Amino acid sequence: MGDKRIPDILTISCIKEKYASGQLTPEILTDEISERISRDREYNIWIKVLGKSEINGYIANLEHIDRDAPLWGIPFAIKDNIDLAGTATTAACPKYSYIPSENAEAVRRIIAAGGIPIGKTNLDQFATGLVGVRSPYGEVHNAMRDGPICHRCLARHGCRRASAPAIRTERVCARYRSGR
């Protein structure tokens, strides 16, 4: 199950090495990530996962970016209170949903550095809580073991609800969220 060229643990350095050696392409990597995300739907990590054609648009844009750019071909997740042009921002509140016409500045910079957005991650409505239990998109589950995420641990370590599982389940290498 899954592409054997792609390790279970995704790191930026590993991906860059595989790109440089010709063992991997952004198309193959993002297809595998999409497959992994589909297998882990019950974690409720994602509010919106970009479709293949949307992701392929960002991959096509890589032709205009130097392969030595720091994030060339690196998949990333965006917390759903940060704008990605053409993709609904809900802040985990469907009635608040709007479609931004441009990217948030941080997202623009990540894409300009070669990053490939994969989707938008779950959060407490309007990012007002610490641990993501107040979302109509479902409570995010612990990616490291069965059961809920330890709320005290999340609060102590400053890790937000869906961003950490998105990385832990090896679906993206980085995430962008507002705050610290």
N, C-alpha and C. Protein backbone atom coordinates (compact mmCIF):
# COMPACT_ATOMS: atom_id res chain seq x y z
N MET A 1 0.84 -1.17 0.00
CA MET A 1 0.00 0.00 0.00
C MET A 1 0.89 1.23 0.00
N GLY A 2 0.71 2.12 -0.97
CA GLY A 2 1.50 3.33 -1.07
C GLY A 2 2.72 3.14 -1.94
N ASP A 3 3.29 4.25 -2.32
CA ASP A 3 4.46 4.27 -3.19
C ASP A 3 5.71 4.00 -2.36
N LYS A 4 6.44 2.95 -2.70
CA LYS A 4 7.62 2.53 -1.93
C LYS A 4 8.79 3.53 -2.05
N ARG A 5 8.73 4.42 -3.04
CA ARG A 5 9.78 5.44 -3.18
C ARG A 5 9.67 6.50 -2.10
N ILE A 6 8.52 6.54 -1.46
CA ILE A 6 8.25 7.60 -0.49
C ILE A 6 8.27 7.01 0.90
N PRO A 7 9.19 7.47 1.74
CA PRO A 7 9.26 6.91 3.10
C PRO A 7 8.03 7.29 3.92
N ASP A 8 7.79 6.50 4.96
CA ASP A 8 6.67 6.81 5.85
C ASP A 8 6.88 8.16 6.53
N ILE A 9 8.10 8.46 6.88
CA ILE A 9 8.41 9.73 7.54
C ILE A 9 8.94 10.70 6.51
N LEU A 10 8.18 11.76 6.29
CA LEU A 10 8.55 12.77 5.31
C LEU A 10 9.29 13.91 5.99
N THR A 11 10.45 14.22 5.49
CA THR A 11 11.18 15.39 5.96
C THR A 11 11.57 16.21 4.73
N ILE A 12 11.78 17.47 4.94
CA ILE A 12 12.18 18.33 3.83
C ILE A 12 13.49 17.84 3.23
N SER A 13 14.45 17.49 4.07
CA SER A 13 15.76 17.05 3.53
C SER A 13 15.61 15.75 2.74
N CYS A 14 14.81 14.82 3.20
CA CYS A 14 14.61 13.57 2.48
C CYS A 14 13.96 13.82 1.12
N ILE A 15 12.94 14.65 1.10
CA ILE A 15 12.25 14.96 -0.16
C ILE A 15 13.21 15.63 -1.13
N LYS A 16 13.99 16.60 -0.64
CA LYS A 16 14.94 17.30 -1.51
C LYS A 16 15.98 16.32 -2.08
N GLU A 17 16.46 15.40 -1.27
CA GLU A 17 17.42 14.39 -1.76
C GLU A 17 16.80 13.53 -2.84
N LYS A 18 15.57 13.09 -2.64
CA LYS A 18 14.89 12.24 -3.63
C LYS A 18 14.59 13.01 -4.91
N TYR A 19 14.25 14.29 -4.80
CA TYR A 19 14.06 15.11 -6.00
C TYR A 19 15.39 15.23 -6.75
N ALA A 20 16.46 15.54 -6.02
CA ALA A 20 17.77 15.74 -6.66
C ALA A 20 18.26 14.48 -7.37
N SER A 21 17.97 13.31 -6.81
CA SER A 21 18.43 12.06 -7.40
C SER A 21 17.50 11.55 -8.51
N GLY A 22 16.36 12.22 -8.69
CA GLY A 22 15.40 11.80 -9.71
C GLY A 22 14.50 10.65 -9.28
N GLN A 23 14.57 10.25 -8.00
CA GLN A 23 13.74 9.16 -7.50
C GLN A 23 12.30 9.57 -7.24
N LEU A 24 12.05 10.88 -7.21
CA LEU A 24 10.74 11.38 -6.82
C LEU A 24 10.43 12.65 -7.59
N THR A 25 9.15 12.87 -7.85
CA THR A 25 8.68 14.11 -8.46
C THR A 25 7.58 14.68 -7.58
N PRO A 26 7.31 15.98 -7.70
CA PRO A 26 6.19 16.54 -6.92
C PRO A 26 4.85 15.86 -7.23
N GLU A 27 4.64 15.42 -8.47
CA GLU A 27 3.39 14.75 -8.82
C GLU A 27 3.24 13.44 -8.05
N ILE A 28 4.30 12.65 -8.04
CA ILE A 28 4.25 11.37 -7.33
C ILE A 28 4.06 11.60 -5.83
N LEU A 29 4.79 12.56 -5.29
CA LEU A 29 4.70 12.84 -3.85
C LEU A 29 3.29 13.30 -3.47
N THR A 30 2.74 14.24 -4.20
CA THR A 30 1.42 14.75 -3.82
C THR A 30 0.32 13.71 -4.05
N ASP A 31 0.48 12.84 -5.03
CA ASP A 31 -0.48 11.74 -5.19
C ASP A 31 -0.45 10.82 -3.97
N GLU A 32 0.74 10.50 -3.50
CA GLU A 32 0.88 9.64 -2.32
C GLU A 32 0.31 10.33 -1.07
N ILE A 33 0.58 11.61 -0.92
CA ILE A 33 0.05 12.34 0.23
C ILE A 33 -1.48 12.35 0.19
N SER A 34 -2.04 12.57 -0.99
CA SER A 34 -3.50 12.55 -1.11
C SER A 34 -4.07 11.18 -0.74
N GLU A 35 -3.39 10.12 -1.13
CA GLU A 35 -3.82 8.77 -0.76
C GLU A 35 -3.75 8.56 0.75
N ARG A 36 -2.68 9.04 1.37
CA ARG A 36 -2.54 8.90 2.82
C ARG A 36 -3.63 9.68 3.55
N ILE A 37 -3.93 10.87 3.05
CA ILE A 37 -4.98 11.69 3.66
C ILE A 37 -6.32 10.96 3.58
N SER A 38 -6.60 10.36 2.44
CA SER A 38 -7.86 9.61 2.28
C SER A 38 -7.97 8.47 3.28
N ARG A 39 -6.86 7.81 3.55
CA ARG A 39 -6.87 6.70 4.50
C ARG A 39 -7.09 7.17 5.94
N ASP A 40 -6.79 8.43 6.22
CA ASP A 40 -6.86 8.94 7.59
C ASP A 40 -7.99 9.94 7.82
N ARG A 41 -9.04 9.85 7.05
CA ARG A 41 -10.15 10.80 7.19
C ARG A 41 -10.72 10.85 8.60
N GLU A 42 -10.73 9.70 9.30
CA GLU A 42 -11.33 9.65 10.64
C GLU A 42 -10.59 10.51 11.66
N TYR A 43 -9.40 10.98 11.33
CA TYR A 43 -8.68 11.87 12.26
C TYR A 43 -9.28 13.27 12.28
N ASN A 44 -10.08 13.62 11.27
CA ASN A 44 -10.69 14.96 11.17
C ASN A 44 -9.64 16.07 11.13
N ILE A 45 -8.53 15.80 10.49
CA ILE A 45 -7.45 16.78 10.40
C ILE A 45 -7.80 17.91 9.44
N TRP A 46 -8.41 17.56 8.34
CA TRP A 46 -8.57 18.49 7.23
C TRP A 46 -10.00 19.02 7.14
N ILE A 47 -10.12 20.33 6.92
CA ILE A 47 -11.41 20.92 6.56
C ILE A 47 -11.54 20.87 5.05
N LYS A 48 -10.47 21.15 4.35
CA LYS A 48 -10.48 21.13 2.88
C LYS A 48 -9.15 20.56 2.39
N VAL A 49 -9.24 19.53 1.56
CA VAL A 49 -8.07 18.99 0.88
C VAL A 49 -8.20 19.40 -0.58
N LEU A 50 -7.16 20.00 -1.11
CA LEU A 50 -7.21 20.42 -2.51
C LEU A 50 -7.30 19.20 -3.42
N GLY A 51 -8.01 19.36 -4.51
CA GLY A 51 -8.13 18.29 -5.50
C GLY A 51 -6.87 18.19 -6.34
N LYS A 52 -6.77 17.10 -7.07
CA LYS A 52 -5.59 16.84 -7.91
C LYS A 52 -5.35 17.98 -8.90
N SER A 53 -6.40 18.48 -9.53
CA SER A 53 -6.20 19.55 -10.51
C SER A 53 -5.72 20.84 -9.84
N GLU A 54 -6.22 21.11 -8.64
CA GLU A 54 -5.76 22.30 -7.91
C GLU A 54 -4.28 22.16 -7.54
N ILE A 55 -3.92 21.00 -7.00
CA ILE A 55 -2.52 20.76 -6.64
C ILE A 55 -1.64 20.80 -7.88
N ASN A 56 -2.11 20.23 -8.99
CA ASN A 56 -1.32 20.24 -10.21
C ASN A 56 -1.06 21.65 -10.72
N GLY A 57 -1.96 22.58 -10.45
CA GLY A 57 -1.72 23.98 -10.80
C GLY A 57 -0.51 24.54 -10.06
N TYR A 58 -0.37 24.20 -8.79
CA TYR A 58 0.79 24.65 -8.02
C TYR A 58 2.06 23.93 -8.48
N ILE A 59 1.92 22.66 -8.85
CA ILE A 59 3.07 21.93 -9.37
C ILE A 59 3.53 22.54 -10.69
N ALA A 60 2.60 22.89 -11.56
CA ALA A 60 2.97 23.53 -12.84
C ALA A 60 3.72 24.83 -12.60
N ASN A 61 3.34 25.55 -11.57
CA ASN A 61 4.00 26.81 -11.23
C ASN A 61 5.47 26.61 -10.84
N LEU A 62 5.83 25.39 -10.41
CA LEU A 62 7.22 25.12 -10.02
C LEU A 62 8.18 25.31 -11.19
N GLU A 63 7.68 25.22 -12.42
CA GLU A 63 8.53 25.44 -13.60
C GLU A 63 9.12 26.84 -13.61
N HIS A 64 8.46 27.77 -12.92
CA HIS A 64 8.89 29.17 -12.90
C HIS A 64 9.69 29.51 -11.64
N ILE A 65 9.99 28.50 -10.84
CA ILE A 65 10.70 28.71 -9.58
C ILE A 65 12.01 27.92 -9.62
N ASP A 66 13.08 28.54 -9.22
CA ASP A 66 14.40 27.90 -9.18
C ASP A 66 14.33 26.65 -8.30
N ARG A 67 14.84 25.53 -8.81
CA ARG A 67 14.82 24.27 -8.04
C ARG A 67 15.61 24.37 -6.73
N ASP A 68 16.45 25.37 -6.60
CA ASP A 68 17.19 25.57 -5.36
C ASP A 68 16.42 26.41 -4.35
N ALA A 69 15.21 26.83 -4.71
CA ALA A 69 14.38 27.58 -3.76
C ALA A 69 14.18 26.73 -2.52
N PRO A 70 14.14 27.35 -1.35
CA PRO A 70 14.14 26.58 -0.10
C PRO A 70 13.00 25.58 0.08
N LEU A 71 11.85 25.85 -0.51
CA LEU A 71 10.71 24.95 -0.32
C LEU A 71 10.23 24.34 -1.63
N TRP A 72 11.08 24.30 -2.64
CA TRP A 72 10.68 23.79 -3.96
C TRP A 72 10.12 22.37 -3.84
N GLY A 73 8.83 22.24 -4.18
CA GLY A 73 8.18 20.93 -4.18
C GLY A 73 7.80 20.39 -2.82
N ILE A 74 7.88 21.20 -1.79
CA ILE A 74 7.57 20.74 -0.43
C ILE A 74 6.09 21.00 -0.13
N PRO A 75 5.35 19.93 0.21
CA PRO A 75 3.92 20.09 0.54
C PRO A 75 3.75 20.74 1.92
N PHE A 76 2.70 21.56 2.04
CA PHE A 76 2.44 22.17 3.34
C PHE A 76 0.94 22.31 3.57
N ALA A 77 0.57 22.41 4.85
CA ALA A 77 -0.82 22.59 5.26
C ALA A 77 -1.01 24.01 5.77
N ILE A 78 -2.23 24.49 5.64
CA ILE A 78 -2.58 25.84 6.07
C ILE A 78 -3.74 25.74 7.05
N LYS A 79 -3.59 26.35 8.21
CA LYS A 79 -4.71 26.38 9.16
C LYS A 79 -5.86 27.17 8.52
N ASP A 80 -7.08 26.71 8.73
CA ASP A 80 -8.22 27.28 8.01
C ASP A 80 -8.70 28.63 8.51
N ASN A 81 -7.86 29.38 9.16
CA ASN A 81 -8.15 30.79 9.40
C ASN A 81 -7.14 31.66 8.64
N ILE A 82 -6.39 31.03 7.75
CA ILE A 82 -5.40 31.70 6.90
C ILE A 82 -5.88 31.55 5.46
N ASP A 83 -5.80 32.63 4.68
CA ASP A 83 -6.35 32.61 3.33
C ASP A 83 -5.44 31.94 2.30
N LEU A 84 -6.07 31.09 1.48
CA LEU A 84 -5.48 30.52 0.27
C LEU A 84 -6.43 30.93 -0.84
N ALA A 85 -5.93 31.71 -1.80
CA ALA A 85 -6.77 32.26 -2.87
C ALA A 85 -7.61 31.18 -3.53
N GLY A 86 -8.89 31.46 -3.68
CA GLY A 86 -9.79 30.55 -4.37
C GLY A 86 -10.30 29.38 -3.55
N THR A 87 -9.85 29.27 -2.30
CA THR A 87 -10.25 28.18 -1.41
C THR A 87 -10.94 28.78 -0.20
N ALA A 88 -12.09 28.25 0.15
CA ALA A 88 -12.87 28.81 1.25
C ALA A 88 -12.05 28.86 2.54
N THR A 89 -12.16 29.97 3.23
CA THR A 89 -11.66 30.11 4.59
C THR A 89 -12.89 30.11 5.47
N THR A 90 -12.92 29.20 6.45
CA THR A 90 -14.10 29.10 7.31
C THR A 90 -13.82 29.43 8.77
N ALA A 91 -12.56 29.34 9.19
CA ALA A 91 -12.23 29.45 10.61
C ALA A 91 -13.08 28.47 11.42
N ALA A 92 -13.40 27.33 10.79
CA ALA A 92 -14.23 26.26 11.38
C ALA A 92 -15.64 26.73 11.71
N CYS A 93 -16.13 27.69 10.94
CA CYS A 93 -17.51 28.16 11.09
C CYS A 93 -18.09 28.31 9.68
N PRO A 94 -18.86 27.33 9.22
CA PRO A 94 -19.38 27.38 7.85
C PRO A 94 -20.12 28.67 7.49
N LYS A 95 -20.83 29.27 8.46
CA LYS A 95 -21.57 30.51 8.17
C LYS A 95 -20.62 31.69 7.91
N TYR A 96 -19.40 31.59 8.39
CA TYR A 96 -18.40 32.63 8.20
C TYR A 96 -17.69 32.50 6.86
N SER A 97 -17.81 31.37 6.23
CA SER A 97 -17.04 31.01 5.03
C SER A 97 -17.04 32.10 3.96
N TYR A 98 -15.86 32.35 3.41
CA TYR A 98 -15.72 33.24 2.27
C TYR A 98 -14.59 32.71 1.39
N ILE A 99 -14.59 33.13 0.15
CA ILE A 99 -13.55 32.71 -0.80
C ILE A 99 -12.63 33.92 -1.02
N PRO A 100 -11.40 33.86 -0.52
CA PRO A 100 -10.49 34.99 -0.71
C PRO A 100 -9.99 35.06 -2.15
N SER A 101 -9.75 36.26 -2.60
CA SER A 101 -9.25 36.46 -3.96
C SER A 101 -7.73 36.43 -4.02
N GLU A 102 -7.10 36.52 -2.87
CA GLU A 102 -5.64 36.45 -2.84
C GLU A 102 -5.17 35.69 -1.61
N ASN A 103 -3.92 35.26 -1.66
CA ASN A 103 -3.33 34.51 -0.56
C ASN A 103 -2.95 35.44 0.59
N ALA A 104 -2.97 34.92 1.79
CA ALA A 104 -2.36 35.62 2.92
C ALA A 104 -0.88 35.81 2.58
N GLU A 105 -0.27 36.84 3.11
CA GLU A 105 1.13 37.13 2.78
C GLU A 105 2.06 35.96 3.07
N ALA A 106 1.87 35.31 4.19
CA ALA A 106 2.74 34.17 4.52
C ALA A 106 2.57 33.04 3.52
N VAL A 107 1.34 32.76 3.12
CA VAL A 107 1.07 31.71 2.14
C VAL A 107 1.69 32.09 0.80
N ARG A 108 1.55 33.35 0.41
CA ARG A 108 2.16 33.83 -0.82
C ARG A 108 3.66 33.58 -0.82
N ARG A 109 4.30 33.87 0.29
CA ARG A 109 5.76 33.69 0.39
C ARG A 109 6.16 32.22 0.34
N ILE A 110 5.39 31.36 0.99
CA ILE A 110 5.70 29.92 0.97
C ILE A 110 5.57 29.38 -0.45
N ILE A 111 4.51 29.77 -1.14
CA ILE A 111 4.32 29.33 -2.53
C ILE A 111 5.44 29.89 -3.41
N ALA A 112 5.81 31.15 -3.21
CA ALA A 112 6.89 31.75 -3.99
C ALA A 112 8.22 31.03 -3.76
N ALA A 113 8.38 30.43 -2.57
CA ALA A 113 9.60 29.67 -2.25
C ALA A 113 9.51 28.23 -2.74
N GLY A 114 8.40 27.89 -3.43
CA GLY A 114 8.25 26.56 -4.01
C GLY A 114 7.33 25.61 -3.28
N GLY A 115 6.69 26.05 -2.20
CA GLY A 115 5.80 25.19 -1.44
C GLY A 115 4.53 24.85 -2.22
N ILE A 116 4.00 23.67 -1.94
CA ILE A 116 2.77 23.20 -2.59
C ILE A 116 1.70 23.05 -1.51
N PRO A 117 0.67 23.90 -1.54
CA PRO A 117 -0.39 23.74 -0.54
C PRO A 117 -1.19 22.46 -0.79
N ILE A 118 -1.47 21.74 0.27
CA ILE A 118 -2.24 20.49 0.19
C ILE A 118 -3.67 20.71 0.64
N GLY A 119 -3.87 21.62 1.59
CA GLY A 119 -5.22 21.86 2.06
C GLY A 119 -5.23 22.71 3.31
N LYS A 120 -6.42 22.80 3.91
CA LYS A 120 -6.65 23.62 5.09
C LYS A 120 -7.01 22.72 6.26
N THR A 121 -6.37 22.96 7.41
CA THR A 121 -6.56 22.09 8.58
C THR A 121 -7.62 22.63 9.54
N ASN A 122 -8.17 21.70 10.30
CA ASN A 122 -9.21 21.95 11.27
C ASN A 122 -8.66 22.77 12.45
N LEU A 123 -9.57 23.40 13.17
CA LEU A 123 -9.21 24.20 14.35
C LEU A 123 -10.46 24.46 15.17
N ASP A 124 -10.28 24.95 16.39
CA ASP A 124 -11.42 25.44 17.15
C ASP A 124 -12.04 26.59 16.37
N GLN A 125 -13.36 26.73 16.46
CA GLN A 125 -13.99 27.83 15.73
C GLN A 125 -13.32 29.15 16.07
N PHE A 126 -12.96 29.87 15.02
CA PHE A 126 -12.31 31.18 15.11
C PHE A 126 -11.00 31.13 15.90
N ALA A 127 -10.44 29.94 16.07
CA ALA A 127 -9.16 29.76 16.76
C ALA A 127 -9.21 30.31 18.18
N THR A 128 -10.35 30.15 18.85
CA THR A 128 -10.52 30.71 20.18
C THR A 128 -10.18 29.74 21.30
N GLY A 129 -9.97 28.49 20.99
CA GLY A 129 -9.65 27.51 22.02
C GLY A 129 -8.24 27.01 21.87
N LEU A 130 -7.86 26.11 22.74
CA LEU A 130 -6.50 25.58 22.69
C LEU A 130 -6.41 24.24 21.96
N VAL A 131 -7.47 23.46 21.97
CA VAL A 131 -7.26 22.06 21.61
C VAL A 131 -8.21 21.50 20.56
N GLY A 132 -8.96 22.30 19.85
CA GLY A 132 -9.72 21.84 18.71
C GLY A 132 -10.92 20.97 18.96
N VAL A 133 -11.57 21.10 20.11
CA VAL A 133 -12.73 20.26 20.38
C VAL A 133 -14.03 20.95 19.97
N ARG A 134 -13.95 22.19 19.57
CA ARG A 134 -15.14 22.94 19.16
C ARG A 134 -15.08 23.23 17.66
N SER A 135 -15.32 22.22 16.87
CA SER A 135 -15.34 22.38 15.42
C SER A 135 -16.46 21.55 14.83
N PRO A 136 -17.27 22.13 13.95
CA PRO A 136 -18.30 21.34 13.31
C PRO A 136 -17.72 20.32 12.33
N TYR A 137 -16.43 20.38 12.09
CA TYR A 137 -15.76 19.43 11.19
C TYR A 137 -15.23 18.22 11.95
N GLY A 138 -15.55 18.13 13.22
CA GLY A 138 -15.17 16.99 14.04
C GLY A 138 -13.97 17.28 14.91
N GLU A 139 -13.93 16.57 16.03
CA GLU A 139 -12.78 16.68 16.93
C GLU A 139 -11.60 15.93 16.30
N VAL A 140 -10.46 16.59 16.30
CA VAL A 140 -9.27 15.98 15.71
C VAL A 140 -8.76 14.91 16.66
N HIS A 141 -8.43 13.75 16.10
CA HIS A 141 -7.96 12.62 16.90
C HIS A 141 -6.45 12.57 16.99
N ASN A 142 -5.98 11.92 18.02
CA ASN A 142 -4.56 11.75 18.26
C ASN A 142 -3.93 10.91 17.15
N ALA A 143 -2.92 11.42 16.51
CA ALA A 143 -2.27 10.70 15.40
C ALA A 143 -1.22 9.70 15.90
N MET A 144 -0.90 9.75 17.18
CA MET A 144 0.15 8.88 17.71
C MET A 144 -0.39 7.66 18.43
N ARG A 145 -1.64 7.75 18.90
CA ARG A 145 -2.25 6.59 19.57
C ARG A 145 -3.75 6.80 19.56
N ASP A 146 -4.50 5.73 19.78
CA ASP A 146 -5.95 5.84 19.81
C ASP A 146 -6.38 6.73 20.97
N GLY A 147 -7.44 7.46 20.75
CA GLY A 147 -7.99 8.28 21.80
C GLY A 147 -7.78 9.75 21.53
N PRO A 148 -8.33 10.56 22.41
CA PRO A 148 -8.22 12.01 22.21
C PRO A 148 -6.80 12.50 22.48
N ILE A 149 -6.53 13.67 21.96
CA ILE A 149 -5.24 14.31 22.24
C ILE A 149 -5.30 14.84 23.66
N CYS A 150 -4.23 14.68 24.37
CA CYS A 150 -4.14 15.17 25.75
C CYS A 150 -4.17 16.69 25.74
N HIS A 151 -5.25 17.27 26.21
CA HIS A 151 -5.42 18.71 26.17
C HIS A 151 -4.36 19.44 26.97
N ARG A 152 -3.95 18.88 28.11
CA ARG A 152 -2.92 19.52 28.92
C ARG A 152 -1.60 19.57 28.16
N CYS A 153 -1.29 18.50 27.44
CA CYS A 153 -0.04 18.47 26.68
C CYS A 153 -0.06 19.49 25.57
N LEU A 154 -1.18 19.60 24.87
CA LEU A 154 -1.26 20.58 23.79
C LEU A 154 -1.10 21.99 24.32
N ALA A 155 -1.79 22.29 25.41
CA ALA A 155 -1.70 23.63 25.97
C ALA A 155 -0.27 23.92 26.44
N ARG A 156 0.37 22.95 27.07
CA ARG A 156 1.71 23.14 27.61
C ARG A 156 2.73 23.35 26.49
N HIS A 157 2.57 22.63 25.38
CA HIS A 157 3.56 22.69 24.30
C HIS A 157 3.17 23.65 23.19
N GLY A 158 2.00 24.26 23.29
CA GLY A 158 1.59 25.25 22.31
C GLY A 158 1.26 24.68 20.95
N CYS A 159 0.99 23.41 20.87
CA CYS A 159 0.71 22.75 19.60
C CYS A 159 -0.78 22.77 19.34
N ARG A 160 -1.19 23.20 18.19
CA ARG A 160 -2.61 23.29 17.90
C ARG A 160 -3.14 21.96 17.38
N ARG A 161 -4.44 21.84 17.41
CA ARG A 161 -5.13 20.59 17.25
C ARG A 161 -4.87 19.85 15.94
N ALA A 162 -5.06 20.42 14.79
CA ALA A 162 -4.94 19.66 13.54
C ALA A 162 -3.58 19.79 12.88
N SER A 163 -2.85 20.83 13.19
CA SER A 163 -1.54 21.01 12.55
C SER A 163 -0.57 19.90 12.94
N ALA A 164 -0.52 19.58 14.21
CA ALA A 164 0.39 18.54 14.67
C ALA A 164 0.05 17.18 14.07
N PRO A 165 -1.22 16.73 14.08
CA PRO A 165 -1.52 15.45 13.44
C PRO A 165 -1.26 15.45 11.94
N ALA A 166 -1.43 16.58 11.28
CA ALA A 166 -1.15 16.63 9.84
C ALA A 166 0.31 16.31 9.57
N ILE A 167 1.18 16.80 10.43
CA ILE A 167 2.61 16.51 10.29
C ILE A 167 2.91 15.11 10.79
N ARG A 168 2.36 14.73 11.94
CA ARG A 168 2.64 13.42 12.54
C ARG A 168 2.19 12.27 11.65
N THR A 169 1.07 12.44 10.95
CA THR A 169 0.61 11.38 10.07
C THR A 169 1.34 11.42 8.74
N GLU A 170 2.36 12.28 8.67
CA GLU A 170 3.25 12.37 7.51
C GLU A 170 2.52 12.81 6.25
N ARG A 171 1.55 13.68 6.39
CA ARG A 171 0.81 14.15 5.23
C ARG A 171 1.41 15.42 4.65
N VAL A 172 2.10 16.16 5.47
CA VAL A 172 2.79 17.36 5.01
C VAL A 172 4.09 17.47 5.79
N CYS A 173 4.99 18.30 5.31
CA CYS A 173 6.28 18.48 5.98
C CYS A 173 6.28 19.72 6.84
N ALA A 174 5.39 20.63 6.56
CA ALA A 174 5.37 21.88 7.30
C ALA A 174 3.94 22.37 7.34
N ARG A 175 3.71 23.30 8.22
CA ARG A 175 2.40 23.90 8.29
C ARG A 175 2.59 25.37 8.56
N TYR A 176 1.60 26.16 8.18
CA TYR A 176 1.62 27.56 8.53
C TYR A 176 0.39 27.83 9.36
N ARG A 177 0.60 28.45 10.49
CA ARG A 177 -0.51 28.88 11.33
C ARG A 177 -0.15 30.23 11.90
N SER A 178 -1.15 31.01 12.25
CA SER A 178 -0.90 32.31 12.85
C SER A 178 -0.46 32.09 14.29
N GLY A 179 0.04 33.12 14.92
CA GLY A 179 0.44 32.99 16.33
C GLY A 179 1.92 32.75 16.44
N ARG A 180 2.28 32.03 17.54
CA ARG A 180 3.70 31.87 17.81
C ARG A 180 4.44 31.14 16.74
